[in-house]
């Protein structure tokens, strides 16, 4: 593993365990077995390190989400595809997803929250557009639907990360059905 990759992986482990703000550069370089100049060579700063971590982790996820949400004609199936994208990502990268959740709920003025919000707004926009297209007669509610839907997904993933449930195909179907029932009731 090269130094850049080792620094990213060590930072992810530390940030996900204790939060971005609680981890310093010195701890990252000691854990990675590199020097501060090496870290600064690759990332320029702690924020630069976080930005590189987010970009690397979210690059494939954004495209998978875009594809899953692309066809709203069969909304229940599309919602299942979107849930599956989130569940697969969380199962593959649980430490990153834990970090993602922590950054979402960090204070808005925090560096971590500011770093992640662009990615989250993009994801939210894709889900909101899905509801706007699929439920054009309810377009004023699309923001509420998107927030509720993503919130539900994140809650299930939080339970998974705390080893309270397993992410399964059955849970995907159940969650989509549960959400759809709420829309049409």
N, C-alpha and C. Protein backbone atom coordinates (compact mmCIF):
# COMPACT_ATOMS: atom_id res chain seq x y z
N UNK A 1 0.86 -1.17 0.00
CA UNK A 1 0.00 0.00 0.00
C UNK A 1 0.91 1.24 0.00
N UNK A 2 0.61 2.19 -0.87
CA UNK A 2 1.44 3.40 -0.93
C UNK A 2 1.07 4.35 0.22
N UNK A 3 1.92 5.36 0.43
CA UNK A 3 1.72 6.29 1.55
C UNK A 3 0.39 7.02 1.48
N UNK A 4 0.01 7.47 0.31
CA UNK A 4 -1.25 8.22 0.17
C UNK A 4 -2.43 7.35 0.60
N UNK A 5 -2.48 6.14 0.11
CA UNK A 5 -3.56 5.22 0.46
C UNK A 5 -3.54 4.89 1.94
N UNK A 6 -2.37 4.66 2.49
CA UNK A 6 -2.25 4.35 3.92
C UNK A 6 -2.75 5.52 4.78
N UNK A 7 -2.41 6.73 4.39
CA UNK A 7 -2.88 7.92 5.13
C UNK A 7 -4.40 8.01 5.07
N UNK A 8 -4.97 7.81 3.89
CA UNK A 8 -6.43 7.87 3.74
C UNK A 8 -7.11 6.81 4.60
N UNK A 9 -6.61 5.59 4.57
CA UNK A 9 -7.22 4.51 5.35
C UNK A 9 -7.09 4.75 6.85
N UNK A 10 -5.93 5.22 7.30
CA UNK A 10 -5.75 5.52 8.73
C UNK A 10 -6.65 6.67 9.17
N UNK A 11 -6.74 7.69 8.34
CA UNK A 11 -7.62 8.81 8.66
C UNK A 11 -9.07 8.35 8.76
N UNK A 12 -9.49 7.51 7.83
CA UNK A 12 -10.86 7.00 7.87
C UNK A 12 -11.11 6.23 9.17
N UNK A 13 -10.19 5.36 9.55
CA UNK A 13 -10.35 4.60 10.80
C UNK A 13 -10.47 5.53 12.00
N UNK A 14 -9.61 6.50 12.08
CA UNK A 14 -9.62 7.43 13.21
C UNK A 14 -10.84 8.34 13.20
N UNK A 15 -11.16 8.92 12.04
CA UNK A 15 -12.31 9.83 11.95
C UNK A 15 -13.61 9.09 12.26
N UNK A 16 -13.75 7.86 11.76
CA UNK A 16 -15.01 7.14 11.99
C UNK A 16 -15.15 6.69 13.44
N UNK A 17 -14.03 6.46 14.10
CA UNK A 17 -14.08 6.01 15.49
C UNK A 17 -14.38 7.15 16.45
N UNK A 18 -13.82 8.34 16.16
CA UNK A 18 -13.94 9.43 17.15
C UNK A 18 -14.46 10.74 16.59
N UNK A 19 -14.63 10.82 15.29
CA UNK A 19 -15.09 12.06 14.68
C UNK A 19 -13.92 12.88 14.15
N UNK A 20 -14.20 13.62 13.12
CA UNK A 20 -13.17 14.41 12.44
C UNK A 20 -12.49 15.40 13.38
N UNK A 21 -13.27 16.14 14.16
CA UNK A 21 -12.70 17.18 15.01
C UNK A 21 -11.82 16.64 16.14
N UNK A 22 -12.05 15.40 16.55
CA UNK A 22 -11.32 14.83 17.68
C UNK A 22 -9.97 14.24 17.29
N UNK A 23 -9.65 14.22 16.01
CA UNK A 23 -8.42 13.59 15.53
C UNK A 23 -7.49 14.67 14.98
N UNK A 24 -6.24 14.63 15.41
CA UNK A 24 -5.26 15.59 14.92
C UNK A 24 -4.33 14.99 13.88
N UNK A 25 -3.64 15.86 13.19
CA UNK A 25 -2.68 15.45 12.17
C UNK A 25 -1.61 14.53 12.75
N UNK A 26 -1.11 14.87 13.93
CA UNK A 26 -0.05 14.06 14.55
C UNK A 26 -0.50 12.61 14.74
N UNK A 27 -1.71 12.42 15.20
CA UNK A 27 -2.22 11.06 15.41
C UNK A 27 -2.34 10.31 14.09
N UNK A 28 -2.75 11.00 13.06
CA UNK A 28 -2.89 10.37 11.74
C UNK A 28 -1.53 9.92 11.22
N UNK A 29 -0.53 10.78 11.29
CA UNK A 29 0.78 10.42 10.74
C UNK A 29 1.44 9.30 11.56
N UNK A 30 1.26 9.32 12.86
CA UNK A 30 1.81 8.25 13.69
C UNK A 30 1.15 6.93 13.34
N UNK A 31 -0.17 6.94 13.22
CA UNK A 31 -0.91 5.71 12.88
C UNK A 31 -0.53 5.20 11.50
N UNK A 32 -0.34 6.12 10.55
CA UNK A 32 0.00 5.73 9.18
C UNK A 32 1.48 5.40 9.02
N UNK A 33 2.30 5.78 10.01
CA UNK A 33 3.74 5.52 9.91
C UNK A 33 4.43 6.40 8.90
N UNK A 34 3.96 7.65 8.78
CA UNK A 34 4.58 8.61 7.86
C UNK A 34 4.89 9.89 8.63
N UNK A 35 5.51 10.82 7.96
CA UNK A 35 5.82 12.11 8.58
C UNK A 35 4.78 13.15 8.20
N UNK A 36 4.75 14.24 8.96
CA UNK A 36 3.83 15.33 8.62
C UNK A 36 4.10 15.87 7.21
N UNK A 37 5.38 16.09 6.83
CA UNK A 37 5.61 16.58 5.46
C UNK A 37 5.05 15.64 4.39
N UNK A 38 5.04 14.34 4.67
CA UNK A 38 4.46 13.39 3.70
C UNK A 38 2.97 13.62 3.57
N UNK A 39 2.28 13.76 4.69
CA UNK A 39 0.84 14.03 4.65
C UNK A 39 0.58 15.34 3.92
N UNK A 40 1.32 16.38 4.25
CA UNK A 40 1.12 17.69 3.62
C UNK A 40 1.45 17.65 2.13
N UNK A 41 2.39 16.80 1.74
CA UNK A 41 2.74 16.65 0.33
C UNK A 41 1.52 16.17 -0.46
N UNK A 42 0.80 15.22 0.08
CA UNK A 42 -0.35 14.65 -0.62
C UNK A 42 -1.63 15.47 -0.46
N UNK A 43 -1.84 16.09 0.70
CA UNK A 43 -3.14 16.66 1.00
C UNK A 43 -3.13 18.14 1.41
N UNK A 44 -2.00 18.73 1.66
CA UNK A 44 -1.84 20.14 2.05
C UNK A 44 -2.35 20.47 3.44
N UNK A 45 -3.39 19.79 3.92
CA UNK A 45 -3.99 20.12 5.21
C UNK A 45 -4.89 18.97 5.66
N UNK A 46 -5.37 19.07 6.88
CA UNK A 46 -6.33 18.09 7.38
C UNK A 46 -7.61 18.17 6.55
N UNK A 47 -8.06 19.36 6.22
CA UNK A 47 -9.26 19.52 5.39
C UNK A 47 -9.02 18.93 4.00
N UNK A 48 -7.84 19.13 3.46
CA UNK A 48 -7.51 18.54 2.16
C UNK A 48 -7.56 17.02 2.21
N UNK A 49 -7.12 16.46 3.32
CA UNK A 49 -7.21 15.01 3.53
C UNK A 49 -8.67 14.58 3.55
N UNK A 50 -9.50 15.28 4.30
CA UNK A 50 -10.93 14.96 4.36
C UNK A 50 -11.57 15.09 2.98
N UNK A 51 -11.26 16.14 2.26
CA UNK A 51 -11.82 16.33 0.92
C UNK A 51 -11.45 15.17 -0.01
N UNK A 52 -10.20 14.74 0.05
CA UNK A 52 -9.76 13.61 -0.78
C UNK A 52 -10.48 12.33 -0.38
N UNK A 53 -10.67 12.13 0.90
CA UNK A 53 -11.38 10.96 1.40
C UNK A 53 -12.83 10.96 0.91
N UNK A 54 -13.50 12.09 1.03
CA UNK A 54 -14.89 12.19 0.58
C UNK A 54 -15.00 11.98 -0.93
N UNK A 55 -14.13 12.62 -1.67
CA UNK A 55 -14.18 12.48 -3.13
C UNK A 55 -13.99 11.03 -3.55
N UNK A 56 -13.02 10.37 -2.94
CA UNK A 56 -12.77 8.97 -3.28
C UNK A 56 -13.94 8.06 -2.93
N UNK A 57 -14.51 8.28 -1.79
CA UNK A 57 -15.60 7.41 -1.33
C UNK A 57 -16.91 7.67 -2.08
N UNK A 58 -17.21 8.93 -2.36
CA UNK A 58 -18.49 9.26 -2.97
C UNK A 58 -18.50 9.14 -4.48
N UNK A 59 -17.34 9.01 -5.13
CA UNK A 59 -17.33 9.05 -6.60
C UNK A 59 -18.20 7.95 -7.20
N UNK A 60 -18.01 6.72 -6.83
CA UNK A 60 -18.81 5.64 -7.38
C UNK A 60 -20.23 5.63 -6.85
N UNK A 61 -20.40 6.04 -5.61
CA UNK A 61 -21.72 6.04 -5.00
C UNK A 61 -22.68 6.97 -5.74
N UNK A 62 -22.21 8.17 -6.07
CA UNK A 62 -23.06 9.13 -6.76
C UNK A 62 -23.57 8.60 -8.09
N UNK A 63 -22.71 7.95 -8.84
CA UNK A 63 -23.12 7.40 -10.13
C UNK A 63 -24.10 6.25 -9.95
N UNK A 64 -23.86 5.39 -8.98
CA UNK A 64 -24.79 4.28 -8.71
C UNK A 64 -26.16 4.81 -8.30
N UNK A 65 -26.18 5.84 -7.48
CA UNK A 65 -27.45 6.44 -7.06
C UNK A 65 -28.17 7.08 -8.24
N UNK A 66 -27.42 7.75 -9.09
CA UNK A 66 -28.00 8.40 -10.28
C UNK A 66 -28.68 7.34 -11.16
N UNK A 67 -28.01 6.23 -11.37
CA UNK A 67 -28.58 5.16 -12.20
C UNK A 67 -29.82 4.54 -11.54
N UNK A 68 -29.76 4.32 -10.24
CA UNK A 68 -30.89 3.70 -9.53
C UNK A 68 -32.13 4.58 -9.56
N UNK A 69 -31.94 5.90 -9.53
CA UNK A 69 -33.07 6.84 -9.46
C UNK A 69 -33.53 7.32 -10.83
N UNK A 70 -32.92 6.81 -11.89
CA UNK A 70 -33.14 7.37 -13.22
C UNK A 70 -34.53 7.13 -13.80
N UNK A 71 -35.19 6.05 -13.45
CA UNK A 71 -36.46 5.72 -14.09
C UNK A 71 -37.57 5.65 -13.04
N UNK A 72 -38.33 6.73 -12.88
CA UNK A 72 -39.35 6.78 -11.83
C UNK A 72 -40.70 6.17 -12.22
N UNK A 73 -40.80 5.54 -13.40
CA UNK A 73 -42.10 5.04 -13.86
C UNK A 73 -42.68 3.98 -12.91
N UNK A 74 -41.84 3.14 -12.37
CA UNK A 74 -42.30 2.15 -11.38
C UNK A 74 -41.68 2.56 -10.05
N UNK A 75 -42.35 3.45 -9.34
CA UNK A 75 -41.78 4.04 -8.13
C UNK A 75 -41.38 3.00 -7.08
N UNK A 76 -42.20 2.00 -6.78
CA UNK A 76 -41.76 1.03 -5.76
C UNK A 76 -40.45 0.33 -6.13
N UNK A 77 -40.31 -0.07 -7.38
CA UNK A 77 -39.06 -0.73 -7.81
C UNK A 77 -37.88 0.25 -7.77
N UNK A 78 -38.13 1.47 -8.16
CA UNK A 78 -37.06 2.47 -8.14
C UNK A 78 -36.62 2.74 -6.71
N UNK A 79 -37.56 2.84 -5.79
CA UNK A 79 -37.21 3.05 -4.38
C UNK A 79 -36.39 1.87 -3.85
N UNK A 80 -36.74 0.66 -4.25
CA UNK A 80 -35.95 -0.51 -3.85
C UNK A 80 -34.53 -0.41 -4.38
N UNK A 81 -34.38 0.01 -5.63
CA UNK A 81 -33.03 0.15 -6.21
C UNK A 81 -32.22 1.20 -5.44
N UNK A 82 -32.85 2.32 -5.10
CA UNK A 82 -32.16 3.38 -4.36
C UNK A 82 -31.75 2.88 -2.98
N UNK A 83 -32.66 2.23 -2.28
CA UNK A 83 -32.34 1.67 -0.96
C UNK A 83 -31.18 0.69 -1.08
N UNK A 84 -31.22 -0.15 -2.11
CA UNK A 84 -30.16 -1.15 -2.30
C UNK A 84 -28.80 -0.47 -2.50
N UNK A 85 -28.76 0.62 -3.24
CA UNK A 85 -27.50 1.35 -3.44
C UNK A 85 -26.95 1.83 -2.10
N UNK A 86 -27.81 2.43 -1.28
CA UNK A 86 -27.37 2.89 0.04
C UNK A 86 -26.92 1.72 0.91
N UNK A 87 -27.71 0.66 0.96
CA UNK A 87 -27.37 -0.49 1.80
C UNK A 87 -26.06 -1.14 1.34
N UNK A 88 -25.88 -1.31 0.03
CA UNK A 88 -24.65 -1.91 -0.48
C UNK A 88 -23.44 -1.07 -0.11
N UNK A 89 -23.58 0.25 -0.25
CA UNK A 89 -22.48 1.15 0.08
C UNK A 89 -22.12 1.05 1.56
N UNK A 90 -23.14 1.07 2.41
CA UNK A 90 -22.90 0.99 3.86
C UNK A 90 -22.29 -0.36 4.24
N UNK A 91 -22.73 -1.43 3.61
CA UNK A 91 -22.19 -2.76 3.92
C UNK A 91 -20.73 -2.88 3.46
N UNK A 92 -20.40 -2.28 2.32
CA UNK A 92 -19.03 -2.32 1.79
C UNK A 92 -18.09 -1.40 2.56
N UNK A 93 -18.59 -0.25 2.98
CA UNK A 93 -17.75 0.76 3.62
C UNK A 93 -18.38 1.25 4.92
N UNK A 94 -18.56 0.35 5.90
CA UNK A 94 -19.26 0.74 7.13
C UNK A 94 -18.56 1.86 7.91
N UNK A 95 -17.24 1.86 7.93
CA UNK A 95 -16.55 2.93 8.66
C UNK A 95 -16.80 4.27 8.01
N UNK A 96 -16.78 4.30 6.68
CA UNK A 96 -17.05 5.56 6.01
C UNK A 96 -18.49 6.01 6.25
N UNK A 97 -19.43 5.07 6.20
CA UNK A 97 -20.82 5.47 6.39
C UNK A 97 -21.04 6.02 7.80
N UNK A 98 -20.37 5.44 8.78
CA UNK A 98 -20.47 5.97 10.15
C UNK A 98 -19.92 7.40 10.19
N UNK A 99 -18.79 7.63 9.53
CA UNK A 99 -18.23 8.98 9.44
C UNK A 99 -19.21 9.92 8.74
N UNK A 100 -19.80 9.46 7.64
CA UNK A 100 -20.76 10.26 6.89
C UNK A 100 -21.92 10.69 7.79
N UNK A 101 -22.48 9.76 8.54
CA UNK A 101 -23.59 10.09 9.44
C UNK A 101 -23.16 11.12 10.48
N UNK A 102 -21.98 10.95 11.04
CA UNK A 102 -21.49 11.90 12.04
C UNK A 102 -21.31 13.30 11.47
N UNK A 103 -20.83 13.38 10.25
CA UNK A 103 -20.60 14.69 9.63
C UNK A 103 -21.91 15.38 9.28
N UNK A 104 -22.92 14.60 8.92
CA UNK A 104 -24.23 15.17 8.60
C UNK A 104 -24.80 15.91 9.81
N UNK A 105 -24.62 15.33 10.98
CA UNK A 105 -25.22 15.90 12.18
C UNK A 105 -24.26 16.76 12.98
N UNK A 106 -23.08 17.02 12.42
CA UNK A 106 -22.14 17.96 13.06
C UNK A 106 -22.71 19.37 12.90
N UNK A 107 -22.29 20.30 13.75
CA UNK A 107 -22.79 21.68 13.62
C UNK A 107 -22.52 22.23 12.21
N UNK A 108 -23.45 23.01 11.68
CA UNK A 108 -23.30 23.52 10.31
C UNK A 108 -22.02 24.32 10.08
N UNK A 109 -21.51 24.96 11.12
CA UNK A 109 -20.29 25.75 10.94
C UNK A 109 -19.02 24.90 11.02
N UNK A 110 -19.15 23.63 11.33
CA UNK A 110 -17.98 22.76 11.46
C UNK A 110 -17.38 22.45 10.10
N UNK A 111 -16.09 22.23 10.09
CA UNK A 111 -15.39 21.90 8.86
C UNK A 111 -15.91 20.59 8.27
N UNK A 112 -16.18 19.61 9.11
CA UNK A 112 -16.67 18.31 8.64
C UNK A 112 -18.01 18.45 7.95
N UNK A 113 -18.94 19.17 8.55
CA UNK A 113 -20.26 19.34 7.95
C UNK A 113 -20.15 20.09 6.64
N UNK A 114 -19.36 21.14 6.60
CA UNK A 114 -19.20 21.91 5.37
C UNK A 114 -18.58 21.06 4.26
N UNK A 115 -17.67 20.17 4.62
CA UNK A 115 -17.01 19.34 3.62
C UNK A 115 -17.98 18.33 2.99
N UNK A 116 -18.89 17.79 3.76
CA UNK A 116 -19.77 16.73 3.26
C UNK A 116 -21.06 17.25 2.62
N UNK A 117 -21.46 18.45 2.93
CA UNK A 117 -22.78 18.91 2.51
C UNK A 117 -22.98 18.97 1.00
N UNK A 118 -21.97 19.29 0.24
CA UNK A 118 -22.13 19.30 -1.22
C UNK A 118 -22.52 17.94 -1.75
N UNK A 119 -21.89 16.90 -1.24
CA UNK A 119 -22.23 15.54 -1.66
C UNK A 119 -23.65 15.17 -1.24
N UNK A 120 -24.00 15.55 -0.03
CA UNK A 120 -25.33 15.20 0.47
C UNK A 120 -26.42 15.97 -0.26
N UNK A 121 -26.16 17.23 -0.61
CA UNK A 121 -27.14 17.99 -1.39
C UNK A 121 -27.34 17.37 -2.77
N UNK A 122 -26.26 16.88 -3.35
CA UNK A 122 -26.36 16.20 -4.64
C UNK A 122 -27.24 14.95 -4.52
N UNK A 123 -26.98 14.14 -3.49
CA UNK A 123 -27.77 12.93 -3.28
C UNK A 123 -29.24 13.28 -3.01
N UNK A 124 -29.45 14.26 -2.15
CA UNK A 124 -30.81 14.69 -1.83
C UNK A 124 -31.52 15.17 -3.09
N UNK A 125 -30.80 15.91 -3.93
CA UNK A 125 -31.39 16.42 -5.17
C UNK A 125 -31.83 15.31 -6.10
N UNK A 126 -31.05 14.24 -6.18
CA UNK A 126 -31.43 13.11 -7.03
C UNK A 126 -32.70 12.44 -6.51
N UNK A 127 -32.79 12.26 -5.20
CA UNK A 127 -33.97 11.62 -4.63
C UNK A 127 -35.18 12.56 -4.72
N UNK A 128 -34.97 13.84 -4.49
CA UNK A 128 -36.05 14.80 -4.61
C UNK A 128 -36.58 14.85 -6.05
N UNK A 129 -35.70 14.83 -7.03
CA UNK A 129 -36.12 14.84 -8.44
C UNK A 129 -36.90 13.57 -8.78
N UNK A 130 -36.50 12.46 -8.19
CA UNK A 130 -37.23 11.21 -8.39
C UNK A 130 -38.68 11.37 -7.94
N UNK A 131 -38.88 11.91 -6.75
CA UNK A 131 -40.24 12.10 -6.25
C UNK A 131 -40.99 13.14 -7.07
N UNK A 132 -40.32 14.18 -7.52
CA UNK A 132 -40.98 15.21 -8.33
C UNK A 132 -41.49 14.62 -9.65
N UNK A 133 -40.71 13.72 -10.25
CA UNK A 133 -41.11 13.11 -11.51
C UNK A 133 -42.20 12.06 -11.30
N UNK A 134 -42.04 11.24 -10.28
CA UNK A 134 -42.96 10.12 -10.08
C UNK A 134 -44.30 10.57 -9.51
N UNK A 135 -44.28 11.62 -8.73
CA UNK A 135 -45.49 12.09 -8.05
C UNK A 135 -45.75 13.55 -8.40
N UNK A 136 -45.86 13.83 -9.68
CA UNK A 136 -45.97 15.23 -10.12
C UNK A 136 -47.18 15.93 -9.49
N UNK A 137 -48.22 15.20 -9.18
CA UNK A 137 -49.40 15.80 -8.56
C UNK A 137 -49.14 16.18 -7.10
N UNK A 138 -48.03 15.71 -6.55
CA UNK A 138 -47.67 16.02 -5.16
C UNK A 138 -46.32 16.71 -5.11
N UNK A 139 -45.97 17.45 -6.14
CA UNK A 139 -44.61 17.99 -6.25
C UNK A 139 -44.23 18.92 -5.10
N UNK A 140 -45.20 19.55 -4.45
CA UNK A 140 -44.86 20.44 -3.34
C UNK A 140 -44.31 19.65 -2.14
N UNK A 141 -44.60 18.37 -2.10
CA UNK A 141 -44.14 17.54 -0.99
C UNK A 141 -42.83 16.82 -1.27
N UNK A 142 -42.25 17.03 -2.44
CA UNK A 142 -41.08 16.25 -2.82
C UNK A 142 -39.92 16.40 -1.84
N UNK A 143 -39.73 17.59 -1.27
CA UNK A 143 -38.66 17.78 -0.29
C UNK A 143 -38.91 16.94 0.95
N UNK A 144 -40.13 16.96 1.43
CA UNK A 144 -40.47 16.17 2.62
C UNK A 144 -40.32 14.68 2.34
N UNK A 145 -40.74 14.23 1.15
CA UNK A 145 -40.59 12.82 0.80
C UNK A 145 -39.12 12.42 0.75
N UNK A 146 -38.30 13.26 0.11
CA UNK A 146 -36.87 12.94 0.00
C UNK A 146 -36.22 12.90 1.38
N UNK A 147 -36.52 13.87 2.22
CA UNK A 147 -35.94 13.90 3.57
C UNK A 147 -36.38 12.68 4.38
N UNK A 148 -37.65 12.34 4.31
CA UNK A 148 -38.16 11.18 5.05
C UNK A 148 -37.57 9.88 4.53
N UNK A 149 -37.46 9.78 3.22
CA UNK A 149 -36.93 8.55 2.61
C UNK A 149 -35.46 8.34 2.98
N UNK A 150 -34.64 9.38 2.80
CA UNK A 150 -33.23 9.25 3.14
C UNK A 150 -33.05 9.06 4.64
N UNK A 151 -33.87 9.74 5.43
CA UNK A 151 -33.82 9.56 6.88
C UNK A 151 -34.12 8.13 7.29
N UNK A 152 -35.11 7.52 6.65
CA UNK A 152 -35.45 6.13 6.92
C UNK A 152 -34.26 5.22 6.58
N UNK A 153 -33.68 5.44 5.42
CA UNK A 153 -32.53 4.63 5.00
C UNK A 153 -31.39 4.78 6.00
N UNK A 154 -31.07 6.02 6.36
CA UNK A 154 -29.98 6.25 7.31
C UNK A 154 -30.26 5.62 8.67
N UNK A 155 -31.53 5.59 9.08
CA UNK A 155 -31.87 4.95 10.36
C UNK A 155 -31.61 3.45 10.29
N UNK A 156 -32.03 2.82 9.22
CA UNK A 156 -31.74 1.39 9.07
C UNK A 156 -30.24 1.13 9.04
N UNK A 157 -29.51 1.97 8.34
CA UNK A 157 -28.06 1.79 8.27
C UNK A 157 -27.43 2.03 9.63
N UNK A 158 -27.92 3.01 10.38
CA UNK A 158 -27.43 3.22 11.74
C UNK A 158 -27.64 1.99 12.61
N UNK A 159 -28.81 1.37 12.50
CA UNK A 159 -29.07 0.13 13.25
C UNK A 159 -28.10 -0.98 12.81
N UNK A 160 -27.84 -1.06 11.51
CA UNK A 160 -26.87 -2.03 11.00
C UNK A 160 -25.47 -1.77 11.56
N UNK A 161 -25.05 -0.51 11.54
CA UNK A 161 -23.71 -0.17 12.03
C UNK A 161 -23.56 -0.49 13.51
N UNK A 162 -24.65 -0.44 14.25
CA UNK A 162 -24.62 -0.78 15.67
C UNK A 162 -24.96 -2.24 15.92
N UNK A 163 -24.94 -3.02 14.85
CA UNK A 163 -25.12 -4.48 14.88
C UNK A 163 -26.47 -4.90 15.47
N UNK A 164 -27.49 -4.10 15.21
CA UNK A 164 -28.83 -4.42 15.70
C UNK A 164 -29.68 -5.10 14.64
N UNK A 165 -29.36 -4.89 13.36
CA UNK A 165 -30.08 -5.54 12.26
C UNK A 165 -29.07 -5.89 11.17
N UNK A 166 -29.52 -6.71 10.22
CA UNK A 166 -28.75 -7.01 9.02
C UNK A 166 -29.41 -6.32 7.84
N UNK A 167 -28.61 -5.84 6.93
CA UNK A 167 -29.13 -5.25 5.70
C UNK A 167 -29.35 -6.40 4.72
N UNK A 168 -30.58 -6.61 4.33
CA UNK A 168 -30.91 -7.75 3.48
C UNK A 168 -31.83 -7.32 2.35
N UNK A 169 -31.99 -8.21 1.38
CA UNK A 169 -32.94 -7.96 0.28
C UNK A 169 -34.36 -7.83 0.84
N UNK A 170 -34.68 -8.64 1.83
CA UNK A 170 -36.01 -8.56 2.43
C UNK A 170 -36.23 -7.20 3.10
N UNK A 171 -35.20 -6.69 3.77
CA UNK A 171 -35.32 -5.38 4.40
C UNK A 171 -35.49 -4.28 3.35
N UNK A 172 -34.82 -4.42 2.21
CA UNK A 172 -34.99 -3.47 1.11
C UNK A 172 -36.46 -3.43 0.69
N UNK A 173 -37.03 -4.59 0.45
CA UNK A 173 -38.44 -4.67 0.03
C UNK A 173 -39.37 -4.12 1.12
N UNK A 174 -39.11 -4.53 2.34
CA UNK A 174 -39.94 -4.08 3.46
C UNK A 174 -39.88 -2.57 3.63
N UNK A 175 -38.69 -1.99 3.54
CA UNK A 175 -38.53 -0.53 3.71
C UNK A 175 -39.23 0.22 2.59
N UNK A 176 -39.08 -0.24 1.35
CA UNK A 176 -39.75 0.43 0.23
C UNK A 176 -41.26 0.33 0.38
N UNK A 177 -41.76 -0.84 0.75
CA UNK A 177 -43.20 -1.02 0.95
C UNK A 177 -43.71 -0.11 2.07
N UNK A 178 -42.98 -0.09 3.16
CA UNK A 178 -43.35 0.75 4.31
C UNK A 178 -43.41 2.21 3.89
N UNK A 179 -42.44 2.65 3.13
CA UNK A 179 -42.42 4.05 2.70
C UNK A 179 -43.56 4.33 1.74
N UNK A 180 -43.79 3.45 0.78
CA UNK A 180 -44.87 3.66 -0.19
C UNK A 180 -46.22 3.69 0.51
N UNK A 181 -46.43 2.87 1.48
CA UNK A 181 -47.71 2.86 2.20
C UNK A 181 -47.95 4.23 2.85
N UNK A 182 -46.90 4.82 3.37
CA UNK A 182 -47.02 6.14 3.99
C UNK A 182 -47.38 7.22 2.98
N UNK A 183 -46.88 7.11 1.77
CA UNK A 183 -47.17 8.11 0.73
C UNK A 183 -48.65 8.07 0.35
N UNK A 184 -49.18 6.87 0.17
CA UNK A 184 -50.52 6.76 -0.38
C UNK A 184 -51.61 6.69 0.69
N UNK A 185 -51.26 6.77 1.94
CA UNK A 185 -52.30 6.69 2.97
C UNK A 185 -52.86 8.06 3.29
